N, C-alpha and C. Protein backbone atom coordinates (compact mmCIF):
# COMPACT_ATOMS: atom_id res chain seq x y z
N MET A 1 1.03 -1.20 0.08
CA MET A 1 -0.12 -0.08 -0.01
C MET A 1 0.76 1.42 -0.07
N ASN A 2 0.47 2.07 -0.94
CA ASN A 2 1.43 3.36 -1.09
C ASN A 2 0.97 4.53 -0.18
N THR A 3 1.66 4.80 1.25
CA THR A 3 1.00 5.87 1.74
C THR A 3 1.34 7.02 1.56
N LEU A 4 2.31 7.38 0.59
CA LEU A 4 2.97 8.87 0.11
C LEU A 4 1.61 9.63 -0.53
N SER A 5 1.39 10.62 -0.29
CA SER A 5 0.28 11.27 -1.15
C SER A 5 0.87 11.71 -2.29
N PRO A 6 0.01 11.96 -3.26
CA PRO A 6 0.38 12.31 -4.74
C PRO A 6 1.10 13.99 -4.55
N PRO A 7 1.80 14.37 -5.17
CA PRO A 7 2.52 15.79 -5.31
C PRO A 7 1.68 16.60 -5.82
N SER A 8 1.39 17.62 -5.11
CA SER A 8 0.35 18.76 -5.59
C SER A 8 0.64 19.56 -6.86
N ASP A 9 1.98 19.81 -7.06
CA ASP A 9 2.39 20.24 -8.09
C ASP A 9 2.88 19.31 -9.10
N PRO A 10 2.83 19.35 -10.39
CA PRO A 10 3.02 18.70 -11.47
C PRO A 10 4.48 18.38 -11.40
N LEU A 11 5.18 17.44 -11.75
CA LEU A 11 6.63 17.22 -11.86
C LEU A 11 7.44 18.29 -12.44
N LEU A 12 8.30 18.80 -12.22
CA LEU A 12 9.07 19.78 -13.27
C LEU A 12 9.93 19.03 -13.69
N LEU A 13 10.33 19.15 -15.08
CA LEU A 13 11.13 18.98 -16.20
C LEU A 13 12.49 19.32 -15.83
N PRO A 14 13.46 18.27 -16.13
CA PRO A 14 14.87 18.63 -15.97
C PRO A 14 15.52 19.74 -16.84
N VAL A 15 16.30 20.46 -16.16
CA VAL A 15 17.02 21.35 -16.83
C VAL A 15 18.36 21.07 -16.86
N ARG A 16 18.93 21.90 -17.88
CA ARG A 16 20.32 21.44 -18.29
C ARG A 16 21.18 22.43 -17.02
N ASP A 17 22.28 21.43 -16.78
CA ASP A 17 23.39 21.80 -15.58
C ASP A 17 23.86 22.93 -16.24
N PRO A 18 24.12 24.13 -15.19
CA PRO A 18 24.60 25.40 -15.96
C PRO A 18 26.31 24.88 -16.24
N ARG A 19 26.91 24.19 -15.59
CA ARG A 19 28.17 23.60 -16.14
C ARG A 19 28.12 22.72 -17.31
N ALA A 20 27.25 22.42 -17.79
CA ALA A 20 27.40 21.63 -19.16
C ALA A 20 27.30 22.84 -20.21
N ARG A 21 27.04 24.16 -20.09
CA ARG A 21 26.74 25.31 -21.03
C ARG A 21 27.65 25.11 -22.22
N ASP A 22 29.01 24.78 -21.85
CA ASP A 22 30.02 24.93 -22.81
C ASP A 22 30.56 23.54 -23.55
N LEU A 23 29.29 22.55 -23.14
CA LEU A 23 29.70 21.23 -23.75
C LEU A 23 28.98 20.88 -25.15
N VAL A 24 27.61 21.20 -25.19
CA VAL A 24 26.55 20.91 -26.32
C VAL A 24 25.74 22.34 -26.53
N LEU A 25 25.13 22.59 -27.60
CA LEU A 25 24.01 23.78 -27.78
C LEU A 25 22.93 22.89 -26.88
N ASP A 26 22.47 21.81 -27.07
CA ASP A 26 21.31 21.26 -26.56
C ASP A 26 21.19 19.89 -26.34
N TYR A 27 20.44 19.10 -25.62
CA TYR A 27 20.32 17.81 -25.12
C TYR A 27 20.62 16.83 -26.42
N ALA A 28 19.89 17.14 -27.62
CA ALA A 28 19.86 16.33 -28.94
C ALA A 28 21.48 16.35 -29.00
N ASP A 29 22.22 16.85 -28.81
CA ASP A 29 23.87 16.85 -29.16
C ASP A 29 24.51 15.71 -28.64
N MET A 30 23.98 15.65 -27.24
CA MET A 30 24.63 14.66 -26.51
C MET A 30 24.60 13.19 -26.62
N HIS A 31 23.67 13.07 -28.08
CA HIS A 31 23.31 11.65 -28.62
C HIS A 31 24.82 11.62 -29.41
N ALA A 32 25.26 12.47 -30.27
CA ALA A 32 26.40 12.70 -30.90
C ALA A 32 27.65 12.31 -30.24
N LEU A 33 27.74 12.94 -28.84
CA LEU A 33 28.71 12.72 -28.14
C LEU A 33 29.02 11.27 -27.67
N VAL A 34 28.13 10.66 -27.28
CA VAL A 34 28.13 9.28 -26.96
C VAL A 34 27.94 8.14 -28.11
N ALA A 35 27.70 8.63 -29.23
CA ALA A 35 27.39 7.66 -30.55
C ALA A 35 28.77 6.90 -30.73
N GLU A 36 29.85 6.82 -30.34
CA GLU A 36 30.91 5.81 -30.61
C GLU A 36 31.05 4.99 -29.61
N LEU A 37 30.11 5.07 -28.55
CA LEU A 37 30.20 4.05 -27.38
C LEU A 37 29.18 2.82 -27.93
N VAL A 38 29.54 1.67 -28.77
CA VAL A 38 28.87 0.99 -29.41
C VAL A 38 29.01 -0.48 -28.19
N LEU A 39 27.88 -0.96 -28.20
CA LEU A 39 27.94 -2.17 -27.33
C LEU A 39 28.36 -3.14 -27.87
N PRO A 40 28.96 -4.30 -27.51
CA PRO A 40 29.51 -5.34 -28.06
C PRO A 40 28.18 -6.43 -28.05
N GLY A 41 28.10 -6.75 -29.08
CA GLY A 41 26.87 -7.59 -29.03
C GLY A 41 26.65 -9.12 -28.60
N ASP A 42 27.92 -9.43 -28.14
CA ASP A 42 28.23 -11.07 -27.49
C ASP A 42 28.41 -10.85 -25.88
N ALA A 43 28.10 -9.99 -25.33
CA ALA A 43 28.36 -9.63 -23.89
C ALA A 43 27.05 -10.28 -23.22
N SER A 44 27.43 -10.51 -22.05
CA SER A 44 26.42 -11.07 -21.41
C SER A 44 25.45 -9.91 -20.92
N MET A 45 24.19 -10.16 -20.44
CA MET A 45 23.27 -9.08 -20.05
C MET A 45 23.69 -8.08 -18.78
N TYR A 46 24.53 -8.97 -17.88
CA TYR A 46 24.87 -8.00 -16.65
C TYR A 46 26.06 -7.03 -17.45
N VAL A 47 27.09 -7.45 -18.27
CA VAL A 47 27.92 -6.45 -19.00
C VAL A 47 27.36 -5.54 -19.85
N MET A 48 26.29 -5.81 -20.72
CA MET A 48 25.60 -4.87 -21.36
C MET A 48 24.48 -3.95 -20.58
N SER A 49 24.09 -4.17 -19.42
CA SER A 49 23.75 -3.28 -18.71
C SER A 49 24.35 -2.34 -18.12
N ALA A 50 25.54 -3.04 -17.71
CA ALA A 50 26.67 -1.87 -16.88
C ALA A 50 26.95 -0.94 -17.79
N MET A 51 27.79 -1.53 -19.20
CA MET A 51 28.10 -0.81 -20.37
C MET A 51 26.98 0.36 -20.90
N GLU A 52 25.72 0.00 -21.05
CA GLU A 52 24.90 0.86 -21.59
C GLU A 52 24.20 1.94 -20.32
N THR A 53 24.40 1.26 -19.35
CA THR A 53 23.98 2.39 -18.06
C THR A 53 25.34 3.48 -18.42
N SER A 54 26.46 3.15 -18.38
CA SER A 54 27.68 4.15 -18.17
C SER A 54 27.50 5.06 -19.57
N ARG A 55 27.02 4.46 -20.50
CA ARG A 55 26.64 5.31 -21.70
C ARG A 55 25.66 6.43 -21.58
N GLU A 56 24.78 5.82 -21.08
CA GLU A 56 23.66 6.93 -20.73
C GLU A 56 23.68 7.95 -19.56
N LEU A 57 24.57 7.60 -18.48
CA LEU A 57 24.75 8.50 -17.69
C LEU A 57 25.83 9.70 -18.30
N ILE A 58 26.59 9.41 -19.20
CA ILE A 58 27.15 10.51 -19.91
C ILE A 58 26.14 11.34 -20.68
N ARG A 59 25.33 10.67 -21.19
CA ARG A 59 24.38 11.52 -22.10
C ARG A 59 23.49 12.55 -20.82
N HIS A 60 23.21 11.74 -20.03
CA HIS A 60 22.43 12.51 -18.96
C HIS A 60 23.50 13.49 -18.08
N SER A 61 24.42 13.47 -18.58
CA SER A 61 25.40 14.48 -17.72
C SER A 61 24.85 15.84 -18.00
N TYR A 62 24.19 16.12 -19.25
CA TYR A 62 23.81 17.08 -19.79
C TYR A 62 22.77 17.95 -18.80
N TYR A 63 22.15 17.27 -17.74
CA TYR A 63 21.17 17.36 -16.83
C TYR A 63 21.95 17.54 -15.41
N ARG A 64 22.85 16.56 -15.37
CA ARG A 64 23.70 16.51 -13.98
C ARG A 64 25.12 16.08 -14.24
N TYR A 65 25.86 17.25 -14.26
CA TYR A 65 27.51 17.19 -14.49
C TYR A 65 28.02 15.98 -13.98
N GLU A 66 27.85 15.52 -12.71
CA GLU A 66 28.47 14.70 -11.86
C GLU A 66 28.24 13.10 -12.46
N PHE A 67 27.19 13.15 -13.26
CA PHE A 67 27.07 11.67 -13.72
C PHE A 67 27.95 11.21 -14.86
N ALA A 68 28.75 12.13 -15.33
CA ALA A 68 30.02 11.76 -16.21
C ALA A 68 31.13 10.90 -15.37
N THR A 69 31.29 11.46 -14.19
CA THR A 69 31.99 10.86 -13.50
C THR A 69 31.56 9.33 -13.03
N VAL A 70 30.47 9.28 -12.57
CA VAL A 70 29.74 8.13 -12.31
C VAL A 70 29.70 7.29 -13.62
N ALA A 71 29.58 7.55 -14.70
CA ALA A 71 29.61 6.54 -15.69
C ALA A 71 31.13 6.06 -15.95
N VAL A 72 32.07 6.69 -15.47
CA VAL A 72 33.62 6.05 -15.69
C VAL A 72 33.49 4.78 -14.66
N THR A 73 33.06 5.26 -13.40
CA THR A 73 33.22 4.12 -12.32
C THR A 73 32.22 3.31 -12.49
N HIS A 74 30.99 3.27 -12.97
CA HIS A 74 30.00 2.32 -13.20
C HIS A 74 30.70 1.10 -14.49
N SER A 75 31.38 1.73 -15.50
CA SER A 75 31.53 1.15 -16.60
C SER A 75 32.90 0.11 -16.04
N LEU A 76 33.43 0.39 -14.93
CA LEU A 76 34.72 -0.45 -14.36
C LEU A 76 33.92 -1.91 -13.88
N PHE A 77 32.69 -1.84 -13.64
CA PHE A 77 31.76 -3.11 -13.19
C PHE A 77 31.95 -3.92 -14.35
N ALA A 78 31.68 -3.92 -15.46
CA ALA A 78 31.82 -4.43 -16.72
C ALA A 78 33.14 -4.92 -16.69
N LEU A 79 33.94 -4.24 -16.81
CA LEU A 79 35.62 -4.18 -17.09
C LEU A 79 36.03 -5.64 -16.26
N GLU A 80 35.68 -5.05 -14.95
CA GLU A 80 35.98 -6.06 -13.95
C GLU A 80 35.46 -7.69 -14.09
N HIS A 81 34.07 -7.78 -14.35
CA HIS A 81 33.48 -8.91 -14.68
C HIS A 81 34.32 -9.54 -15.56
N VAL A 82 34.28 -8.60 -16.83
CA VAL A 82 34.73 -9.66 -18.26
C VAL A 82 36.31 -10.07 -17.80
N LEU A 83 37.28 -9.29 -17.25
CA LEU A 83 38.52 -9.43 -17.00
C LEU A 83 38.50 -10.91 -16.10
N ALA A 84 37.79 -11.03 -15.14
CA ALA A 84 37.75 -12.18 -13.99
C ALA A 84 37.33 -13.31 -14.79
N GLU A 85 36.35 -13.24 -15.74
CA GLU A 85 35.85 -14.48 -16.42
C GLU A 85 37.06 -14.83 -17.65
N ARG A 86 37.52 -13.95 -18.29
CA ARG A 86 38.62 -14.08 -19.12
C ARG A 86 40.09 -14.71 -18.50
N LEU A 87 40.44 -14.24 -17.50
CA LEU A 87 41.32 -14.73 -16.77
C LEU A 87 41.42 -15.98 -15.95
N ALA A 88 40.03 -16.24 -15.57
CA ALA A 88 39.41 -17.35 -14.44
C ALA A 88 40.06 -17.13 -13.41
N THR A 89 40.08 -16.12 -12.92
CA THR A 89 40.48 -15.71 -11.53
C THR A 89 40.03 -14.23 -11.04
N ASN A 90 39.90 -14.01 -9.38
CA ASN A 90 39.58 -12.65 -9.30
C ASN A 90 40.84 -11.98 -8.50
N GLY A 91 40.50 -10.67 -8.40
CA GLY A 91 41.68 -10.28 -7.83
C GLY A 91 41.40 -8.73 -7.76
N PRO A 92 42.04 -7.60 -7.10
CA PRO A 92 42.20 -6.34 -7.58
C PRO A 92 42.21 -5.78 -9.05
N LEU A 93 41.32 -4.80 -9.47
CA LEU A 93 41.30 -4.70 -10.60
C LEU A 93 42.40 -3.97 -11.30
N HIS A 94 43.45 -3.58 -10.62
CA HIS A 94 44.83 -3.02 -11.13
C HIS A 94 45.64 -4.54 -11.41
N VAL A 95 45.40 -5.52 -10.71
CA VAL A 95 46.10 -6.90 -10.78
C VAL A 95 45.62 -7.41 -12.26
N LEU A 96 44.19 -7.47 -12.36
CA LEU A 96 43.69 -8.10 -13.26
C LEU A 96 43.83 -7.42 -14.96
N ILE A 97 44.06 -6.08 -14.69
CA ILE A 97 44.25 -5.27 -15.94
C ILE A 97 45.66 -5.70 -16.43
N GLN A 98 46.76 -5.76 -15.14
CA GLN A 98 47.91 -5.87 -15.67
C GLN A 98 48.42 -7.29 -16.12
N ARG A 99 47.39 -7.75 -15.57
CA ARG A 99 47.73 -9.72 -16.27
C ARG A 99 47.53 -9.87 -17.30
N ALA A 100 46.00 -9.18 -17.81
CA ALA A 100 45.60 -9.12 -19.21
C ALA A 100 46.71 -8.46 -20.32
N ALA A 101 47.22 -7.26 -19.77
CA ALA A 101 48.06 -7.10 -20.57
C ALA A 101 49.50 -7.57 -20.85
N ASP A 102 49.89 -8.15 -19.96
CA ASP A 102 51.07 -9.35 -19.67
C ASP A 102 50.67 -10.44 -20.52
N ALA A 103 49.37 -10.75 -20.48
CA ALA A 103 48.86 -12.30 -21.38
C ALA A 103 48.73 -11.77 -22.93
N GLY A 104 48.94 -10.43 -23.28
CA GLY A 104 48.67 -10.09 -24.65
C GLY A 104 47.31 -9.90 -24.92
N LEU A 105 46.36 -9.81 -24.14
CA LEU A 105 44.92 -9.80 -24.14
C LEU A 105 44.55 -8.30 -24.58
N ILE A 106 45.14 -7.48 -24.09
CA ILE A 106 44.80 -6.05 -24.27
C ILE A 106 46.16 -5.28 -24.63
N PRO A 107 46.15 -4.06 -25.47
CA PRO A 107 47.32 -3.78 -25.76
C PRO A 107 47.88 -2.74 -24.27
N VAL A 108 49.04 -2.72 -24.10
CA VAL A 108 49.83 -1.83 -23.02
C VAL A 108 49.06 -0.09 -22.85
N GLY A 109 48.97 0.27 -24.12
CA GLY A 109 48.32 1.65 -24.07
C GLY A 109 46.98 1.35 -23.66
N LEU A 110 46.30 0.50 -23.82
CA LEU A 110 44.76 0.42 -23.32
C LEU A 110 44.97 0.26 -22.09
N ALA A 111 45.67 -0.65 -21.42
CA ALA A 111 45.82 -1.09 -20.20
C ALA A 111 46.20 0.28 -19.25
N ALA A 112 47.06 1.05 -19.89
CA ALA A 112 47.18 2.29 -18.97
C ALA A 112 46.13 3.36 -18.96
N GLU A 113 45.18 3.35 -20.04
CA GLU A 113 43.72 4.20 -19.79
C GLU A 113 42.86 3.63 -18.85
N LEU A 114 42.92 2.19 -18.79
CA LEU A 114 42.09 1.48 -17.95
C LEU A 114 42.40 1.71 -16.62
N ASP A 115 43.77 1.80 -16.39
CA ASP A 115 44.48 1.91 -15.13
C ASP A 115 43.92 3.39 -14.42
N CYS A 116 44.02 4.29 -15.37
CA CYS A 116 43.55 5.79 -15.13
C CYS A 116 42.03 5.78 -14.57
N ALA A 117 41.29 5.00 -15.25
CA ALA A 117 39.75 4.96 -14.80
C ALA A 117 39.62 4.32 -13.28
N ARG A 118 40.61 3.35 -13.12
CA ARG A 118 40.62 2.52 -11.87
C ARG A 118 41.14 3.59 -10.98
N ARG A 119 42.19 4.23 -11.13
CA ARG A 119 43.05 5.16 -10.13
C ARG A 119 41.68 6.15 -9.78
N LEU A 120 40.84 6.81 -11.03
CA LEU A 120 39.98 7.67 -10.45
C LEU A 120 38.94 7.23 -9.61
N ARG A 121 38.33 5.80 -9.49
CA ARG A 121 37.38 5.27 -8.66
C ARG A 121 38.31 5.13 -7.33
N ASP A 122 39.28 4.78 -7.59
CA ASP A 122 39.97 4.54 -6.00
C ASP A 122 39.87 5.95 -5.26
N LYS A 123 40.62 7.29 -5.96
CA LYS A 123 40.28 8.17 -5.44
C LYS A 123 39.00 8.98 -5.06
N LEU A 124 37.88 8.35 -5.59
CA LEU A 124 36.70 8.81 -5.20
C LEU A 124 36.07 7.89 -3.91
N THR A 125 36.44 6.56 -3.95
CA THR A 125 35.99 5.96 -2.65
C THR A 125 37.07 6.26 -1.40
N GLN A 126 38.35 6.99 -1.72
CA GLN A 126 39.02 7.53 -0.63
C GLN A 126 38.57 8.82 -0.32
N GLY A 127 37.71 9.59 -0.87
CA GLY A 127 37.46 10.99 -0.88
C GLY A 127 38.46 11.84 -1.15
N ALA A 128 39.47 11.55 -1.99
CA ALA A 128 40.13 12.28 -2.46
C ALA A 128 39.73 13.02 -3.80
N GLU A 129 38.93 12.90 -4.62
CA GLU A 129 38.15 13.52 -5.76
C GLU A 129 36.62 13.42 -5.49
N SER A 130 35.93 14.32 -6.24
CA SER A 130 34.58 14.60 -5.83
C SER A 130 33.96 13.88 -7.14
N SER A 131 32.68 13.62 -7.02
CA SER A 131 31.88 13.39 -8.22
C SER A 131 32.13 14.21 -9.46
N ALA A 132 32.23 15.17 -9.33
CA ALA A 132 32.67 16.30 -10.60
C ALA A 132 34.12 16.08 -10.97
N ALA A 133 34.63 15.28 -10.83
CA ALA A 133 36.11 15.11 -11.24
C ALA A 133 36.52 15.03 -12.64
N VAL A 134 35.50 14.18 -13.27
CA VAL A 134 35.61 14.03 -14.80
C VAL A 134 34.74 14.88 -15.72
N ARG A 135 34.92 15.99 -16.56
CA ARG A 135 34.34 16.26 -17.45
C ARG A 135 33.51 15.29 -18.73
N PRO A 136 32.55 15.40 -19.03
CA PRO A 136 31.81 14.56 -20.08
C PRO A 136 32.63 14.02 -21.25
N HIS A 137 33.52 15.18 -21.77
CA HIS A 137 34.29 14.56 -22.85
C HIS A 137 35.46 13.58 -22.15
N GLY A 138 36.01 13.97 -20.95
CA GLY A 138 37.13 13.00 -20.47
C GLY A 138 36.30 11.93 -20.46
N ALA A 139 35.01 12.13 -19.54
CA ALA A 139 34.21 10.61 -19.39
C ALA A 139 34.21 9.73 -20.61
N VAL A 140 33.87 10.15 -21.74
CA VAL A 140 33.76 9.45 -22.98
C VAL A 140 34.96 8.75 -23.37
N ALA A 141 35.94 9.45 -22.99
CA ALA A 141 37.48 8.76 -23.67
C ALA A 141 37.61 7.86 -22.47
N LEU A 142 37.38 7.79 -21.21
CA LEU A 142 37.67 6.64 -20.22
C LEU A 142 36.63 5.57 -20.58
N VAL A 143 35.66 5.84 -20.70
CA VAL A 143 34.74 4.84 -21.22
C VAL A 143 34.68 4.20 -22.35
N ARG A 144 35.03 5.04 -23.51
CA ARG A 144 35.66 4.12 -24.56
C ARG A 144 36.80 3.23 -24.29
N ALA A 145 37.38 3.48 -23.72
CA ALA A 145 38.80 2.72 -23.45
C ALA A 145 38.21 1.47 -22.41
N VAL A 146 37.17 1.40 -21.76
CA VAL A 146 36.43 0.27 -21.36
C VAL A 146 35.89 -0.55 -22.52
N PHE A 147 34.83 0.26 -23.04
CA PHE A 147 34.23 -0.54 -24.22
C PHE A 147 35.12 -1.48 -25.38
N ASP A 148 36.57 -0.62 -25.40
CA ASP A 148 37.26 -1.33 -26.27
C ASP A 148 37.95 -2.57 -25.77
N ALA A 149 38.35 -2.38 -24.51
CA ALA A 149 39.12 -3.56 -23.96
C ALA A 149 37.74 -4.71 -23.65
N VAL A 150 36.59 -4.49 -23.17
CA VAL A 150 35.68 -5.29 -23.03
C VAL A 150 35.45 -6.00 -24.69
N SER A 151 35.53 -5.29 -25.56
CA SER A 151 35.40 -6.03 -26.94
C SER A 151 36.54 -7.00 -27.25
N LEU A 152 37.76 -6.38 -26.88
CA LEU A 152 39.04 -7.24 -27.28
C LEU A 152 38.76 -8.48 -26.56
N LEU A 153 38.32 -8.41 -25.01
CA LEU A 153 38.47 -9.58 -24.31
C LEU A 153 37.22 -10.42 -24.58
N LEU A 154 36.35 -10.17 -25.24
CA LEU A 154 34.99 -11.05 -25.65
C LEU A 154 35.52 -11.67 -26.74
N ARG A 155 36.44 -11.25 -27.51
CA ARG A 155 36.79 -12.09 -28.73
C ARG A 155 37.37 -13.38 -28.39
N PRO A 156 37.52 -14.36 -29.20
CA PRO A 156 38.09 -15.57 -28.99
C PRO A 156 39.46 -15.35 -28.85
N PRO A 157 39.97 -16.42 -28.01
CA PRO A 157 41.44 -16.01 -27.62
C PRO A 157 42.58 -15.96 -28.68
N SER A 158 42.49 -16.26 -29.93
CA SER A 158 43.60 -16.38 -30.94
C SER A 158 43.48 -14.97 -31.52
N VAL A 159 41.83 -14.64 -31.53
CA VAL A 159 41.93 -13.52 -32.15
C VAL A 159 42.29 -12.27 -31.47
N ALA A 160 42.18 -12.26 -29.99
CA ALA A 160 42.14 -11.28 -29.35
C ALA A 160 43.74 -10.89 -29.16
N GLU A 161 44.43 -12.01 -28.98
CA GLU A 161 45.73 -12.04 -28.50
C GLU A 161 46.57 -11.46 -29.92
N ALA A 162 45.97 -11.57 -31.02
CA ALA A 162 46.53 -11.23 -32.26
C ALA A 162 46.61 -9.67 -32.64
N THR A 163 45.17 -9.26 -31.87
CA THR A 163 44.82 -7.60 -32.11
C THR A 163 45.65 -7.14 -31.31
N ALA A 164 45.84 -7.69 -29.99
CA ALA A 164 46.57 -7.16 -28.90
C ALA A 164 48.09 -6.82 -29.29
N ALA A 165 48.49 -7.74 -30.06
CA ALA A 165 49.86 -7.76 -30.18
C ALA A 165 50.19 -6.93 -31.55
N ASP A 166 49.05 -6.64 -32.09
CA ASP A 166 49.40 -5.66 -33.39
C ASP A 166 49.26 -4.29 -32.87
N ALA A 167 48.49 -4.21 -31.81
CA ALA A 167 48.51 -2.81 -31.46
C ALA A 167 49.41 -2.55 -30.17
N GLY A 168 50.62 -3.18 -30.04
CA GLY A 168 51.62 -3.11 -29.00
C GLY A 168 51.65 -3.95 -27.90
N GLY A 169 50.54 -4.61 -27.77
CA GLY A 169 50.57 -5.59 -26.32
C GLY A 169 51.75 -6.71 -26.27
N ALA A 170 52.18 -7.20 -27.61
CA ALA A 170 53.27 -8.23 -27.20
C ALA A 170 54.25 -7.27 -27.60
N GLN A 171 55.72 -7.89 -26.96
CA GLN A 171 56.79 -7.04 -27.14
C GLN A 171 58.01 -8.19 -27.34
N PRO A 172 57.83 -8.13 -28.79
CA PRO A 172 58.99 -9.13 -29.46
C PRO A 172 60.55 -8.63 -28.96
N GLU A 173 61.33 -9.11 -29.75
CA GLU A 173 62.85 -8.45 -29.35
C GLU A 173 63.07 -6.95 -29.73
N GLY A 174 63.43 -6.28 -28.84
CA GLY A 174 63.50 -4.93 -29.20
C GLY A 174 62.13 -4.54 -29.00
N GLY A 175 61.35 -4.96 -28.28
CA GLY A 175 60.16 -4.39 -28.02
C GLY A 175 60.18 -3.16 -27.18
N LEU A 176 61.07 -2.84 -26.00
CA LEU A 176 60.82 -1.74 -25.57
C LEU A 176 61.41 -0.55 -26.53
N ALA A 177 62.26 -0.59 -27.34
CA ALA A 177 62.51 0.51 -28.40
C ALA A 177 61.33 0.82 -28.92
N ARG A 178 60.64 -0.29 -29.74
CA ARG A 178 59.52 -0.10 -30.39
C ARG A 178 58.39 0.40 -29.65
N LEU A 179 58.14 0.39 -28.46
CA LEU A 179 57.37 0.91 -27.50
C LEU A 179 57.59 2.21 -27.41
N TRP A 180 58.77 2.58 -27.23
CA TRP A 180 59.13 4.07 -26.74
C TRP A 180 59.11 4.90 -28.33
N GLU A 181 59.20 4.24 -29.74
CA GLU A 181 59.07 4.90 -30.86
C GLU A 181 57.47 4.87 -30.76
N ASP A 182 56.60 4.35 -30.43
CA ASP A 182 55.31 4.34 -30.77
C ASP A 182 54.85 5.38 -29.44
N HIS A 183 55.60 5.37 -28.30
CA HIS A 183 55.15 6.33 -27.68
C HIS A 183 55.24 7.93 -28.06
N LEU A 184 56.23 7.83 -28.70
CA LEU A 184 56.73 9.23 -29.44
C LEU A 184 55.75 9.97 -30.44
N ARG A 185 55.29 8.99 -31.26
CA ARG A 185 54.53 9.26 -32.20
C ARG A 185 52.97 9.26 -31.85
N ALA A 186 52.60 8.66 -30.68
CA ALA A 186 51.38 8.61 -30.26
C ALA A 186 50.84 10.26 -30.15
N LEU A 187 49.52 10.42 -30.48
CA LEU A 187 48.80 11.94 -30.21
C LEU A 187 48.54 11.72 -28.60
N PHE A 188 48.40 12.87 -28.01
CA PHE A 188 47.96 13.34 -26.64
C PHE A 188 46.66 12.41 -26.40
N PRO A 189 46.66 12.01 -25.47
CA PRO A 189 45.38 11.14 -25.35
C PRO A 189 44.13 12.22 -24.88
N ASP A 190 42.90 11.93 -25.56
CA ASP A 190 41.75 12.58 -25.30
C ASP A 190 41.37 12.86 -24.13
N GLY A 191 41.47 11.55 -23.38
CA GLY A 191 41.13 11.51 -22.06
C GLY A 191 41.69 12.77 -20.95
N PHE A 192 42.93 13.02 -21.13
CA PHE A 192 43.75 13.96 -20.62
C PHE A 192 43.61 15.40 -21.09
N ARG A 193 43.01 15.71 -21.96
CA ARG A 193 42.83 16.80 -22.39
C ARG A 193 41.71 17.84 -21.56
N GLY A 194 42.59 19.07 -20.90
CA GLY A 194 41.64 19.69 -19.95
C GLY A 194 41.32 19.21 -18.58
N VAL A 195 42.10 18.10 -18.33
CA VAL A 195 41.84 17.57 -16.87
C VAL A 195 42.97 18.07 -16.08
N ASP A 196 42.70 18.27 -14.74
CA ASP A 196 43.56 18.94 -13.93
C ASP A 196 43.98 17.43 -13.02
N PHE A 197 44.99 17.21 -12.58
CA PHE A 197 45.51 16.26 -11.63
C PHE A 197 46.10 16.80 -10.19
N ASP A 198 45.43 16.76 -9.21
CA ASP A 198 45.85 17.08 -7.93
C ASP A 198 46.39 18.57 -8.05
N GLY A 199 45.23 19.37 -8.46
CA GLY A 199 45.30 20.70 -8.55
C GLY A 199 45.93 21.20 -9.73
């Protein structure tokens, strides 16, 4: 039995968060912002739900800016689940990310992006960051890294390992020099543009 009386005033429609004024012109433009976050079709319902929720949180950061940071942390549920399944082990997320990179399942550069998201989550749990830590554009970059990793990890083992090796995950002889050259040629990561760390 519902003991709450119905509200006397009609529900108010959500309004744009003033901090989103420089983000897009209107809510419809948020669709383009998250368009590249495509869900992998072969994921479990749990993983699909977590990833879709992350994407929608970014979209709705138009109304509540903090949703962008929540989107990043929520996406890590999917990542941790898929990593544990693929590696057939449980453990702290940073250990799972490192094991996946060491096994050639994800590229080293992608592992570094995932660890950025993981460190953000840890700072939030420790009270060292607020829920407004990440701007929506930064959230897109970090959540995209999770989407990319999940897609790689869901591929059959031989395909995932070959893809990661092509992207710099494997280190043949002289691999350190090759990684350094790749680093020097790499573009500045989108996820770090305009982001302040520790002030």
